[in-house]
Amino acid sequence: MIKFKRRKAWDRRGEGEGMLNCREAEKMIMPYIGAQLDEQELEQFLNHIRQCPDCREELEIYYTVSLGLRQLDSGTGVYDITGALEESLDVAWMRVRAVRLRKVICYAVNTLCVTGVLTILLMQLRIWLLGV
């Protein structure tokens, strides 16, 4: 008799194209806290955290412990750790948006440059062929 391994709900969540599942998101929590994720990973992680309350709770726990340990080491303290996490997430979203905007601007500038070069080339061809 063949037994199939039953997958838990947390293992299946977010399996669409480009989406993280909970296991992948949990592996990215510490790199997120350490600011070690690239822009694509960061965007996927933030989208998952926004949609998954379980992973959001895991992030809050890890962030609280990490920030608490850093504060103990440095002797300073922020008492609104949840607010600090929200601020960190807002900054991360701004970083993702800035990268998107930079890509759109680069695409637009490249398109304008190619259009300009083609226009100049066509005008030069007209001069060569018609002798204007």
Protein backbone atom coordinates (compact mmCIF):
# COMPACT_ATOMS: atom_id res chain seq x y z
CA MET A 1 0.00 0.00 0.00
CA ILE A 2 1.35 3.41 -0.98
CA LYS A 3 1.23 6.12 1.64
CA PHE A 4 1.29 9.72 0.61
CA LYS A 5 2.88 12.26 2.85
CA ARG A 6 0.26 14.80 3.78
CA ARG A 7 1.53 18.31 3.40
CA LYS A 8 0.63 20.83 6.04
CA ALA A 9 -1.18 24.04 5.17
CA TRP A 10 1.89 26.13 6.04
CA ASP A 11 3.90 24.14 3.51
CA ARG A 12 1.47 24.81 0.66
CA ARG A 13 0.69 28.49 1.19
CA GLY A 14 1.93 30.78 -1.55
CA GLU A 15 2.95 28.21 -4.14
CA GLY A 16 1.99 30.38 -7.11
CA GLU A 17 4.57 31.45 -9.63
CA GLY A 18 7.10 33.74 -7.99
CA MET A 19 5.61 33.18 -4.55
CA LEU A 20 7.40 31.78 -1.54
CA ASN A 21 6.05 28.99 0.59
CA CYS A 22 6.27 29.28 4.36
CA ARG A 23 9.42 27.21 4.66
CA GLU A 24 11.28 29.44 2.23
CA ALA A 25 9.96 32.57 3.95
CA GLU A 26 11.04 31.31 7.37
CA LYS A 27 14.54 30.69 6.02
CA MET A 28 14.64 34.31 4.87
CA ILE A 29 13.71 35.88 8.21
CA MET A 30 17.24 36.17 9.58
CA PRO A 31 18.71 37.38 6.26
CA TYR A 32 15.90 39.99 6.22
CA ILE A 33 16.76 41.14 9.74
CA GLY A 34 20.44 41.29 8.76
CA ALA A 35 19.60 43.22 5.52
CA GLN A 36 21.16 40.45 3.40
CA LEU A 37 18.34 39.91 0.87
CA ASP A 38 18.62 41.18 -2.68
CA GLU A 39 15.75 43.20 -4.14
CA GLN A 40 13.93 40.26 -5.74
CA GLU A 41 14.14 38.10 -2.61
CA LEU A 42 13.11 41.07 -0.49
CA GLU A 43 10.01 41.72 -2.58
CA GLN A 44 8.98 38.05 -2.49
CA PHE A 45 9.56 37.93 1.27
CA LEU A 46 7.58 41.12 1.93
CA ASN A 47 4.67 39.91 -0.22
CA HIS A 48 4.59 36.63 1.66
CA ILE A 49 4.82 38.31 5.08
CA ARG A 50 1.96 40.62 4.12
CA GLN A 51 -0.29 37.67 3.21
CA CYS A 52 0.71 35.05 5.79
CA PRO A 53 -0.11 35.74 9.44
CA ASP A 54 1.90 32.73 10.66
CA CYS A 55 5.11 33.89 8.99
CA ARG A 56 4.41 37.46 10.09
CA GLU A 57 4.24 36.20 13.68
CA GLU A 58 7.52 34.31 13.22
CA LEU A 59 9.12 37.48 11.89
CA GLU A 60 7.86 39.46 14.90
CA ILE A 61 9.33 36.89 17.29
CA TYR A 62 12.73 36.77 15.59
CA TYR A 63 12.82 40.55 15.19
CA THR A 64 11.93 41.09 18.85
CA VAL A 65 14.65 38.73 20.04
CA SER A 66 17.24 40.12 17.62
CA LEU A 67 16.49 43.75 18.44
CA GLY A 68 16.38 42.99 22.17
CA LEU A 69 19.80 41.33 22.05
CA ARG A 70 21.29 44.23 20.09
CA GLN A 71 19.85 46.70 22.59
CA LEU A 72 21.27 44.75 25.51
CA ASP A 73 24.71 44.73 23.88
CA SER A 74 24.66 48.44 23.08
CA GLY A 75 22.95 49.59 26.27
CA THR A 76 20.30 51.56 24.42
CA GLY A 77 16.67 50.66 24.11
CA VAL A 78 13.65 51.18 21.94
CA TYR A 79 10.57 50.19 23.84
CA ASP A 80 8.28 50.07 20.82
CA ILE A 81 9.70 46.97 19.14
CA THR A 82 6.54 46.40 17.09
CA GLY A 83 6.81 49.97 15.83
CA ALA A 84 10.47 49.36 14.99
CA LEU A 85 9.45 46.29 12.96
CA GLU A 86 6.78 48.29 11.12
CA GLU A 87 9.35 50.98 10.36
CA SER A 88 11.77 48.34 9.10
CA LEU A 89 9.09 46.87 6.83
CA ASP A 90 8.18 50.35 5.52
CA VAL A 91 11.83 51.06 4.72
CA ALA A 92 12.10 47.70 2.97
CA TRP A 93 9.01 48.47 0.86
CA MET A 94 10.48 51.86 -0.04
CA ARG A 95 13.66 50.09 -1.15
CA VAL A 96 11.65 47.72 -3.35
CA ARG A 97 9.70 50.63 -4.87
CA ALA A 98 12.92 52.59 -5.49
CA VAL A 99 14.42 49.63 -7.35
CA ARG A 100 11.26 49.29 -9.47
CA LEU A 101 11.28 53.01 -10.23
CA ARG A 102 14.96 52.88 -11.16
CA LYS A 103 14.26 49.99 -13.55
CA VAL A 104 11.37 51.87 -15.19
CA ILE A 105 13.47 55.01 -15.58
CA CYS A 106 16.36 53.03 -17.08
CA TYR A 107 13.98 51.33 -19.51
CA ALA A 108 12.48 54.69 -20.52
CA VAL A 109 15.90 56.32 -21.01
CA ASN A 110 17.15 53.34 -23.03
CA THR A 111 14.04 53.48 -25.20
CA LEU A 112 14.51 57.20 -25.81
CA CYS A 113 18.19 56.69 -26.67
CA VAL A 114 17.42 53.95 -29.18
CA THR A 115 14.64 56.07 -30.71
CA GLY A 116 17.03 59.03 -30.99
CA VAL A 117 19.76 56.94 -32.62
CA LEU A 118 17.28 55.48 -35.12
CA THR A 119 15.95 58.95 -35.94
CA ILE A 120 19.47 60.26 -36.53
CA LEU A 121 20.28 57.22 -38.66
CA LEU A 122 17.15 57.70 -40.79
CA MET A 123 17.90 61.39 -41.25
CA GLN A 124 21.48 60.61 -42.25
CA LEU A 125 20.25 58.00 -44.74
CA ARG A 126 17.87 60.57 -46.19
CA ILE A 127 20.77 63.01 -46.62
CA TRP A 128 22.95 60.37 -48.26
CA LEU A 129 20.26 59.05 -50.61
CA LEU A 130 18.53 62.28 -51.56
CA GLY A 131 21.49 64.60 -51.22
CA VAL A 132 19.41 67.16 -49.38
